[in-house]
Amino acid sequence: MSSASSEDIHAAYKRLARRAHPDAGGDARLMAAINEAHRVLSDPGRRARYDAGERGAVVTSTPSSARAAETDVFHDSDDDVDFVPMAAWQRRLPMWAILVLGSLFTVFLFTAYATSGKGTTTTTLPPVDGQLVVGSCVHQAEGGFVEEIGCGGRRDGVVMALVRVGERCPAGTEGMGRRDADGYACITRN
């Protein structure tokens, strides 16, 4: 219809594209013809030639235009519909497989981002100087007391807290006597 406005043409294109698009179960050749018609009718110069009677020379549907339709992205000016045709690999996979792969990729990205930088910090071990501090590696000496040792070899535990006599060690730790002070070293066993 030569009196149709550009809004009418665009609305008709959207309606037809929703039905004919290959991703919606339509035919690629029909979609190519719809795209070509929209290309002609949405351009004022091409539309004028079409309305003047050059219909057969302007609107075509060839195998090359069908291939072009598979790579086009169709944008709606109202921003309510965007058609992005599927790639060949997407047409061979069922939708549930695409969703599973997408979910796994999202989990991979999230964990990679969440853990980035966490492995780069270095832990400085306290020096072996005979003074028990939180983080000291210890072994149980005679009499039940704990003594500081280097963390590189065999050890009986690691000091998690230092408490005074009468205080309790945190849950998951065991209180052992210290020779150097009045109180206990709360250790976790290895």
Foldseek 3Di string as FASTA:
>chain_A
DLPDDLVRLLVVLVVVCCVAPVVNVHDLQVNLQSVQVNVQCNDVVSSVVVVVPPVVVRGDGDPVSSVVSQQDWDARPVRPDIDGHDDPVVVVDDPVVVVVVVVVVVVVVVVCVVCPPVVPDDDDADDQDFDADQFFFWAQDPPQAITGDDPPDDGFWGFHDWDAPPDDDDPQWDWTHHPVDHTTGTTHGD
